[in-house]
Structure formats: C-alpha cells, structure tokens
Amino acid sequence: NNFDKDGDGVLSAEEIAAVTELNIDACGISDLTGI
C-alpha cells in the first residue's frame, strides 16, 4: 500500500531507495522479515 507506487507487485530499485521511513506503530506485526 505504501511503497509499490506502480502497483505491479514488485518493488523496483527506485521504489526501494525511496523508503527512508517506516511508521508501523501498533499494527499487530509479528515478523519484519523483508526490512
């Protein structure tokens, strides 16, 4: 929802490089594998 800007199900190198902040407070996440 937040980083796949073109909606293709793949994070491109540009989309990955643009991620400088993750704000996932109180979301019920058990595993941050992929960070």
PDB file of all heavy atoms in Angstrom:
ATOM      1  N   ASN A   1       0.806  -1.227   0.000  1.00  0.00           N
ATOM      2  CA  ASN A   1       0.000   0.000   0.000  1.00  0.00           C
ATOM      3  C   ASN A   1       0.835   1.273   0.000  1.00  0.00           C
ATOM      4  O   ASN A   1       0.396   2.296  -0.523  1.00  0.00           O
ATOM      5  CB  ASN A   1      -0.951   0.020   1.199  1.00  0.00           C
ATOM      6  CG  ASN A   1      -2.026  -1.029   1.090  1.00  0.00           C
ATOM      7  OD1 ASN A   1      -2.285  -1.577   0.026  1.00  0.00           O
ATOM      8  ND2 ASN A   1      -2.662  -1.331   2.211  1.00  0.00           N
ATOM      9  N   ASN A   2       2.016   1.225   0.593  1.00  0.00           N
ATOM     10  CA  ASN A   2       2.796   2.449   0.771  1.00  0.00           C
ATOM     11  C   ASN A   2       3.974   2.613  -0.184  1.00  0.00           C
ATOM     12  O   ASN A   2       4.397   3.754  -0.417  1.00  0.00           O
ATOM     13  CB  ASN A   2       3.290   2.538   2.215  1.00  0.00           C
ATOM     14  CG  ASN A   2       2.157   2.779   3.172  1.00  0.00           C
ATOM     15  OD1 ASN A   2       1.673   3.889   3.296  1.00  0.00           O
ATOM     16  ND2 ASN A   2       1.697   1.720   3.832  1.00  0.00           N
ATOM     17  N   PHE A   3       4.514   1.521  -0.714  1.00  0.00           N
ATOM     18  CA  PHE A   3       5.754   1.652  -1.472  1.00  0.00           C
ATOM     19  C   PHE A   3       5.702   1.109  -2.895  1.00  0.00           C
ATOM     20  O   PHE A   3       6.565   1.443  -3.709  1.00  0.00           O
ATOM     21  CB  PHE A   3       6.906   0.987  -0.702  1.00  0.00           C
ATOM     22  CG  PHE A   3       7.020   1.500   0.707  1.00  0.00           C
ATOM     23  CD1 PHE A   3       6.977   0.629   1.781  1.00  0.00           C
ATOM     24  CD2 PHE A   3       7.143   2.854   0.966  1.00  0.00           C
ATOM     25  CE1 PHE A   3       7.064   1.103   3.078  1.00  0.00           C
ATOM     26  CE2 PHE A   3       7.224   3.340   2.258  1.00  0.00           C
ATOM     27  CZ  PHE A   3       7.187   2.463   3.322  1.00  0.00           C
ATOM     28  N   ASP A   4       4.728   0.288  -3.228  1.00  0.00           N
ATOM     29  CA  ASP A   4       4.604  -0.235  -4.585  1.00  0.00           C
ATOM     30  C   ASP A   4       3.836   0.790  -5.414  1.00  0.00           C
ATOM     31  O   ASP A   4       2.653   0.630  -5.704  1.00  0.00           O
ATOM     32  CB  ASP A   4       3.894  -1.594  -4.575  1.00  0.00           C
ATOM     33  CG  ASP A   4       3.849  -2.243  -5.943  1.00  0.00           C
ATOM     34  OD1 ASP A   4       4.576  -1.785  -6.853  1.00  0.00           O
ATOM     35  OD2 ASP A   4       3.082  -3.204  -6.112  1.00  0.00           O
ATOM     36  N   LYS A   5       4.517   1.846  -5.801  1.00  0.00           N
ATOM     37  CA  LYS A   5       3.878   3.001  -6.442  1.00  0.00           C
ATOM     38  C   LYS A   5       3.202   2.666  -7.764  1.00  0.00           C
ATOM     39  O   LYS A   5       2.171   3.238  -8.096  1.00  0.00           O
ATOM     40  CB  LYS A   5       4.906   4.127  -6.653  1.00  0.00           C
ATOM     41  CG  LYS A   5       5.532   4.630  -5.360  1.00  0.00           C
ATOM     42  CD  LYS A   5       4.508   5.173  -4.406  1.00  0.00           C
ATOM     43  CE  LYS A   5       5.164   5.715  -3.146  1.00  0.00           C
ATOM     44  NZ  LYS A   5       4.228   6.052  -2.110  1.00  0.00           N
ATOM     45  N   ASP A   6       3.764   1.734  -8.530  1.00  0.00           N
ATOM     46  CA  ASP A   6       3.158   1.391  -9.817  1.00  0.00           C
ATOM     47  C   ASP A   6       2.210   0.200  -9.725  1.00  0.00           C
ATOM     48  O   ASP A   6       1.609  -0.208 -10.723  1.00  0.00           O
ATOM     49  CB  ASP A   6       4.224   1.149 -10.886  1.00  0.00           C
ATOM     50  CG  ASP A   6       5.217   0.059 -10.512  1.00  0.00           C
ATOM     51  OD1 ASP A   6       5.000  -0.641  -9.500  1.00  0.00           O
ATOM     52  OD2 ASP A   6       6.220  -0.091 -11.238  1.00  0.00           O
ATOM     53  N   GLY A   7       2.071  -0.388  -8.530  1.00  0.00           N
ATOM     54  CA  GLY A   7       1.104  -1.455  -8.311  1.00  0.00           C
ATOM     55  C   GLY A   7       1.378  -2.742  -9.049  1.00  0.00           C
ATOM     56  O   GLY A   7       0.455  -3.519  -9.301  1.00  0.00           O
ATOM     57  N   ASP A   8       2.646  -3.008  -9.364  1.00  0.00           N
ATOM     58  CA  ASP A   8       2.971  -4.217 -10.126  1.00  0.00           C
ATOM     59  C   ASP A   8       3.347  -5.416  -9.256  1.00  0.00           C
ATOM     60  O   ASP A   8       3.694  -6.471  -9.769  1.00  0.00           O
ATOM     61  CB  ASP A   8       4.088  -3.932 -11.140  1.00  0.00           C
ATOM     62  CG  ASP A   8       5.421  -3.583 -10.506  1.00  0.00           C
ATOM     63  OD1 ASP A   8       5.482  -3.427  -9.262  1.00  0.00           O
ATOM     64  OD2 ASP A   8       6.413  -3.459 -11.258  1.00  0.00           O
ATOM     65  N   GLY A   9       3.284  -5.269  -7.925  1.00  0.00           N
ATOM     66  CA  GLY A   9       3.611  -6.374  -7.030  1.00  0.00           C
ATOM     67  C   GLY A   9       5.093  -6.594  -6.848  1.00  0.00           C
ATOM     68  O   GLY A   9       5.515  -7.574  -6.236  1.00  0.00           O
ATOM     69  N   VAL A  10       5.896  -5.664  -7.362  1.00  0.00           N
ATOM     70  CA  VAL A  10       7.354  -5.743  -7.263  1.00  0.00           C
ATOM     71  C   VAL A  10       7.875  -4.385  -6.835  1.00  0.00           C
ATOM     72  O   VAL A  10       7.442  -3.349  -7.351  1.00  0.00           O
ATOM     73  CB  VAL A  10       7.976  -6.132  -8.631  1.00  0.00           C
ATOM     74  CG1 VAL A  10       9.490  -6.085  -8.567  1.00  0.00           C
ATOM     75  CG2 VAL A  10       7.500  -7.501  -9.063  1.00  0.00           C
ATOM     76  N   LEU A  11       8.802  -4.383  -5.883  1.00  0.00           N
ATOM     77  CA  LEU A  11       9.477  -3.139  -5.512  1.00  0.00           C
ATOM     78  C   LEU A  11      10.684  -2.977  -6.421  1.00  0.00           C
ATOM     79  O   LEU A  11      11.597  -3.799  -6.408  1.00  0.00           O
ATOM     80  CB  LEU A  11       9.934  -3.184  -4.053  1.00  0.00           C
ATOM     81  CG  LEU A  11       8.850  -3.204  -2.993  1.00  0.00           C
ATOM     82  CD1 LEU A  11       9.465  -3.371  -1.610  1.00  0.00           C
ATOM     83  CD2 LEU A  11       8.009  -1.945  -3.052  1.00  0.00           C
ATOM     84  N   SER A  12      10.680  -1.930  -7.215  1.00  0.00           N
ATOM     85  CA  SER A  12      11.823  -1.651  -8.083  1.00  0.00           C
ATOM     86  C   SER A  12      12.950  -1.065  -7.232  1.00  0.00           C
ATOM     87  O   SER A  12      12.746  -0.664  -6.077  1.00  0.00           O
ATOM     88  CB  SER A  12      11.427  -0.652  -9.166  1.00  0.00           C
ATOM     89  OG  SER A  12      11.153   0.622  -8.581  1.00  0.00           O
ATOM     90  N   ALA A  13      14.138  -0.979  -7.801  1.00  0.00           N
ATOM     91  CA  ALA A  13      15.277  -0.385  -7.100  1.00  0.00           C
ATOM     92  C   ALA A  13      14.958   1.049  -6.689  1.00  0.00           C
ATOM     93  O   ALA A  13      15.324   1.486  -5.594  1.00  0.00           O
ATOM     94  CB  ALA A  13      16.522  -0.433  -7.979  1.00  0.00           C
ATOM     95  N   GLU A  14      14.247   1.777  -7.547  1.00  0.00           N
ATOM     96  CA  GLU A  14      13.878   3.163  -7.240  1.00  0.00           C
ATOM     97  C   GLU A  14      12.875   3.224  -6.092  1.00  0.00           C
ATOM     98  O   GLU A  14      12.974   4.088  -5.220  1.00  0.00           O
ATOM     99  CB  GLU A  14      13.301   3.851  -8.492  1.00  0.00           C
ATOM    100  CG  GLU A  14      14.294   4.042  -9.607  1.00  0.00           C
ATOM    101  CD  GLU A  14      14.550   2.785 -10.440  1.00  0.00           C
ATOM    102  OE1 GLU A  14      13.707   1.834 -10.416  1.00  0.00           O
ATOM    103  OE2 GLU A  14      15.603   2.725 -11.093  1.00  0.00           O
ATOM    104  N   GLU A  15      11.890   2.325  -6.101  1.00  0.00           N
ATOM    105  CA  GLU A  15      10.898   2.303  -5.023  1.00  0.00           C
ATOM    106  C   GLU A  15      11.562   1.946  -3.695  1.00  0.00           C
ATOM    107  O   GLU A  15      11.238   2.529  -2.648  1.00  0.00           O
ATOM    108  CB  GLU A  15       9.786   1.305  -5.347  1.00  0.00           C
ATOM    109  CG  GLU A  15       8.863   1.767  -6.466  1.00  0.00           C
ATOM    110  CD  GLU A  15       7.911   0.694  -6.958  1.00  0.00           C
ATOM    111  OE1 GLU A  15       8.278  -0.507  -6.955  1.00  0.00           O
ATOM    112  OE2 GLU A  15       6.793   1.050  -7.370  1.00  0.00           O
ATOM    113  N   ILE A  16      12.500   1.018  -3.723  1.00  0.00           N
ATOM    114  CA  ILE A  16      13.215   0.620  -2.512  1.00  0.00           C
ATOM    115  C   ILE A  16      14.049   1.775  -1.973  1.00  0.00           C
ATOM    116  O   ILE A  16      14.022   2.083  -0.781  1.00  0.00           O
ATOM    117  CB  ILE A  16      14.101  -0.617  -2.773  1.00  0.00           C
ATOM    118  CG1 ILE A  16      13.220  -1.840  -3.025  1.00  0.00           C
ATOM    119  CG2 ILE A  16      15.064  -0.870  -1.625  1.00  0.00           C
ATOM    120  CD1 ILE A  16      13.969  -3.055  -3.552  1.00  0.00           C
ATOM    121  N   ALA A  17      14.784   2.451  -2.855  1.00  0.00           N
ATOM    122  CA  ALA A  17      15.658   3.555  -2.450  1.00  0.00           C
ATOM    123  C   ALA A  17      14.877   4.720  -1.852  1.00  0.00           C
ATOM    124  O   ALA A  17      15.399   5.466  -1.024  1.00  0.00           O
ATOM    125  CB  ALA A  17      16.488   4.026  -3.634  1.00  0.00           C
ATOM    126  N   ALA A  18      13.614   4.869  -2.247  1.00  0.00           N
ATOM    127  CA  ALA A  18      12.789   5.971  -1.755  1.00  0.00           C
ATOM    128  C   ALA A  18      12.292   5.751  -0.329  1.00  0.00           C
ATOM    129  O   ALA A  18      11.821   6.693   0.316  1.00  0.00           O
ATOM    130  CB  ALA A  18      11.605   6.181  -2.694  1.00  0.00           C
ATOM    131  N   VAL A  19      12.403   4.542   0.196  1.00  0.00           N
ATOM    132  CA  VAL A  19      11.898   4.242   1.542  1.00  0.00           C
ATOM    133  C   VAL A  19      12.936   4.663   2.579  1.00  0.00           C
ATOM    134  O   VAL A  19      13.953   4.012   2.772  1.00  0.00           O
ATOM    135  CB  VAL A  19      11.560   2.747   1.694  1.00  0.00           C
ATOM    136  CG1 VAL A  19      11.067   2.452   3.107  1.00  0.00           C
ATOM    137  CG2 VAL A  19      10.530   2.317   0.671  1.00  0.00           C
ATOM    138  N   THR A  20      12.657   5.771   3.243  1.00  0.00           N
ATOM    139  CA  THR A  20      13.543   6.259   4.297  1.00  0.00           C
ATOM    140  C   THR A  20      12.872   6.195   5.666  1.00  0.00           C
ATOM    141  O   THR A  20      13.530   6.389   6.681  1.00  0.00           O
ATOM    142  CB  THR A  20      13.976   7.713   4.019  1.00  0.00           C
ATOM    143  OG1 THR A  20      12.811   8.541   3.919  1.00  0.00           O
ATOM    144  CG2 THR A  20      14.794   7.801   2.732  1.00  0.00           C
ATOM    145  N   GLU A  21      11.575   5.923   5.675  1.00  0.00           N
ATOM    146  CA  GLU A  21      10.821   5.904   6.933  1.00  0.00           C
ATOM    147  C   GLU A  21       9.773   4.806   6.913  1.00  0.00           C
ATOM    148  O   GLU A  21       9.057   4.635   5.924  1.00  0.00           O
ATOM    149  CB  GLU A  21      10.141   7.265   7.112  1.00  0.00           C
ATOM    150  CG  GLU A  21       9.338   7.399   8.362  1.00  0.00           C
ATOM    151  CD  GLU A  21       8.778   8.808   8.523  1.00  0.00           C
ATOM    152  OE1 GLU A  21       9.489   9.788   8.258  1.00  0.00           O
ATOM    153  OE2 GLU A  21       7.600   8.895   8.920  1.00  0.00           O
ATOM    154  N   LEU A  22       9.705   4.048   7.996  1.00  0.00           N
ATOM    155  CA  LEU A  22       8.639   3.067   8.204  1.00  0.00           C
ATOM    156  C   LEU A  22       7.983   3.403   9.531  1.00  0.00           C
ATOM    157  O   LEU A  22       8.636   3.404  10.573  1.00  0.00           O
ATOM    158  CB  LEU A  22       9.187   1.644   8.270  1.00  0.00           C
ATOM    159  CG  LEU A  22       9.624   0.977   6.980  1.00  0.00           C
ATOM    160  CD1 LEU A  22      10.224  -0.392   7.267  1.00  0.00           C
ATOM    161  CD2 LEU A  22       8.474   0.832   6.022  1.00  0.00           C
ATOM    162  N   ASN A  23       6.695   3.684   9.491  1.00  0.00           N
ATOM    163  CA  ASN A  23       5.949   4.022  10.693  1.00  0.00           C
ATOM    164  C   ASN A  23       4.843   2.990  10.851  1.00  0.00           C
ATOM    165  O   ASN A  23       3.744   3.164  10.347  1.00  0.00           O
ATOM    166  CB  ASN A  23       5.389   5.437  10.576  1.00  0.00           C
ATOM    167  CG  ASN A  23       4.904   5.966  11.900  1.00  0.00           C
ATOM    168  OD1 ASN A  23       4.980   5.289  12.923  1.00  0.00           O
ATOM    169  ND2 ASN A  23       4.404   7.178  11.890  1.00  0.00           N
ATOM    170  N   ILE A  24       5.153   1.900  11.542  1.00  0.00           N
ATOM    171  CA  ILE A  24       4.224   0.768  11.676  1.00  0.00           C
ATOM    172  C   ILE A  24       3.926   0.495  13.149  1.00  0.00           C
ATOM    173  O   ILE A  24       4.027  -0.604  13.629  1.00  0.00           O
ATOM    174  CB  ILE A  24       4.779  -0.480  10.956  1.00  0.00           C
ATOM    175  CG1 ILE A  24       6.256  -0.691  11.285  1.00  0.00           C
ATOM    176  CG2 ILE A  24       4.590  -0.358   9.460  1.00  0.00           C
ATOM    177  CD1 ILE A  24       6.890  -1.881  10.628  1.00  0.00           C
ATOM    178  N   ASP A  25       3.546   1.538  13.835  1.00  0.00           N
ATOM    179  CA  ASP A  25       3.232   1.514  15.251  1.00  0.00           C
ATOM    180  C   ASP A  25       1.895   0.814  15.479  1.00  0.00           C
ATOM    181  O   ASP A  25       0.896   1.147  14.849  1.00  0.00           O
ATOM    182  CB  ASP A  25       3.164   2.964  15.739  1.00  0.00           C
ATOM    183  CG  ASP A  25       3.049   3.096  17.237  1.00  0.00           C
ATOM    184  OD1 ASP A  25       2.469   2.209  17.890  1.00  0.00           O
ATOM    185  OD2 ASP A  25       3.546   4.095  17.772  1.00  0.00           O
ATOM    186  N   ALA A  26       1.876  -0.169  16.381  1.00  0.00           N
ATOM    187  CA  ALA A  26       0.646  -0.851  16.816  1.00  0.00           C
ATOM    188  C   ALA A  26      -0.163  -1.426  15.652  1.00  0.00           C
ATOM    189  O   ALA A  26      -1.359  -1.201  15.545  1.00  0.00           O
ATOM    190  CB  ALA A  26      -0.205   0.094  17.659  1.00  0.00           C
ATOM    191  N   CYS A  27       0.491  -2.187  14.799  1.00  0.00           N
ATOM    192  CA  CYS A  27      -0.179  -2.781  13.635  1.00  0.00           C
ATOM    193  C   CYS A  27      -0.435  -4.275  13.788  1.00  0.00           C
ATOM    194  O   CYS A  27      -1.073  -4.875  12.939  1.00  0.00           O
ATOM    195  CB  CYS A  27       0.660  -2.550  12.381  1.00  0.00           C
ATOM    196  SG  CYS A  27       0.779  -0.822  11.900  1.00  0.00           S
ATOM    197  N   GLY A  28       0.105  -4.903  14.834  1.00  0.00           N
ATOM    198  CA  GLY A  28      -0.067  -6.344  15.014  1.00  0.00           C
ATOM    199  C   GLY A  28       0.921  -7.180  14.226  1.00  0.00           C
ATOM    200  O   GLY A  28       0.679  -8.358  13.969  1.00  0.00           O
ATOM    201  N   ILE A  29       2.029  -6.597  13.842  1.00  0.00           N
ATOM    202  CA  ILE A  29       3.057  -7.294  13.050  1.00  0.00           C
ATOM    203  C   ILE A  29       3.880  -8.203  13.950  1.00  0.00           C
ATOM    204  O   ILE A  29       4.319  -7.809  15.025  1.00  0.00           O
ATOM    205  CB  ILE A  29       3.961  -6.283  12.320  1.00  0.00           C
ATOM    206  CG1 ILE A  29       3.125  -5.502  11.299  1.00  0.00           C
ATOM    207  CG2 ILE A  29       5.146  -6.962  11.655  1.00  0.00           C
ATOM    208  CD1 ILE A  29       3.851  -4.352  10.651  1.00  0.00           C
ATOM    209  N   SER A  30       4.096  -9.433  13.499  1.00  0.00           N
ATOM    210  CA  SER A  30       4.893 -10.412  14.248  1.00  0.00           C
ATOM    211  C   SER A  30       6.267 -10.639  13.646  1.00  0.00           C
ATOM    212  O   SER A  30       7.154 -11.162  14.308  1.00  0.00           O
ATOM    213  CB  SER A  30       4.161 -11.757  14.300  1.00  0.00           C
ATOM    214  OG  SER A  30       2.934 -11.617  14.957  1.00  0.00           O
ATOM    215  N   ASP A  31       6.458 -10.271  12.377  1.00  0.00           N
ATOM    216  CA  ASP A  31       7.697 -10.582  11.668  1.00  0.00           C
ATOM    217  C   ASP A  31       8.020  -9.460  10.688  1.00  0.00           C
ATOM    218  O   ASP A  31       7.227  -9.180   9.792  1.00  0.00           O
ATOM    219  CB  ASP A  31       7.523 -11.909  10.921  1.00  0.00           C
ATOM    220  CG  ASP A  31       8.795 -12.425  10.279  1.00  0.00           C
ATOM    221  OD1 ASP A  31       9.810 -11.707  10.278  1.00  0.00           O
ATOM    222  OD2 ASP A  31       8.767 -13.549   9.754  1.00  0.00           O
ATOM    223  N   LEU A  32       9.186  -8.834  10.862  1.00  0.00           N
ATOM    224  CA  LEU A  32       9.598  -7.771   9.951  1.00  0.00           C
ATOM    225  C   LEU A  32      10.613  -8.261   8.922  1.00  0.00           C
ATOM    226  O   LEU A  32      11.369  -7.467   8.369  1.00  0.00           O
ATOM    227  CB  LEU A  32      10.177  -6.584  10.735  1.00  0.00           C
ATOM    228  CG  LEU A  32       9.149  -5.603  11.275  1.00  0.00           C
ATOM    229  CD1 LEU A  32       9.818  -4.457  12.028  1.00  0.00           C
ATOM    230  CD2 LEU A  32       8.269  -5.055  10.183  1.00  0.00           C
ATOM    231  N   THR A  33      10.623  -9.557   8.646  1.00  0.00           N
ATOM    232  CA  THR A  33      11.467 -10.060   7.565  1.00  0.00           C
ATOM    233  C   THR A  33      11.083  -9.324   6.292  1.00  0.00           C
ATOM    234  O   THR A  33       9.904  -9.186   5.982  1.00  0.00           O
ATOM    235  CB  THR A  33      11.271 -11.579   7.383  1.00  0.00           C
ATOM    236  OG1 THR A  33      11.669 -12.240   8.578  1.00  0.00           O
ATOM    237  CG2 THR A  33      12.076 -12.103   6.199  1.00  0.00           C
ATOM    238  N   GLY A  34      12.068  -8.858   5.577  1.00  0.00           N
ATOM    239  CA  GLY A  34      11.865  -8.038   4.391  1.00  0.00           C
ATOM    240  C   GLY A  34      12.367  -6.635   4.604  1.00  0.00           C
ATOM    241  O   GLY A  34      12.671  -5.916   3.656  1.00  0.00           O
ATOM    242  N   ILE A  35      12.504  -6.235   5.874  1.00  0.00           N
ATOM    243  CA  ILE A  35      13.006  -4.903   6.178  1.00  0.00           C
ATOM    244  C   ILE A  35      14.437  -4.718   5.676  1.00  0.00           C
ATOM    245  O   ILE A  35      14.870  -3.603   5.392  1.00  0.00           O
ATOM    246  CB  ILE A  35      12.887  -4.606   7.688  1.00  0.00           C
ATOM    247  CG1 ILE A  35      12.986  -3.114   7.934  1.00  0.00           C
ATOM    248  CG2 ILE A  35      13.919  -5.374   8.480  1.00  0.00           C
ATOM    249  CD1 ILE A  35      12.629  -2.703   9.329  1.00  0.00           C
TER     250      ILE A  35
END
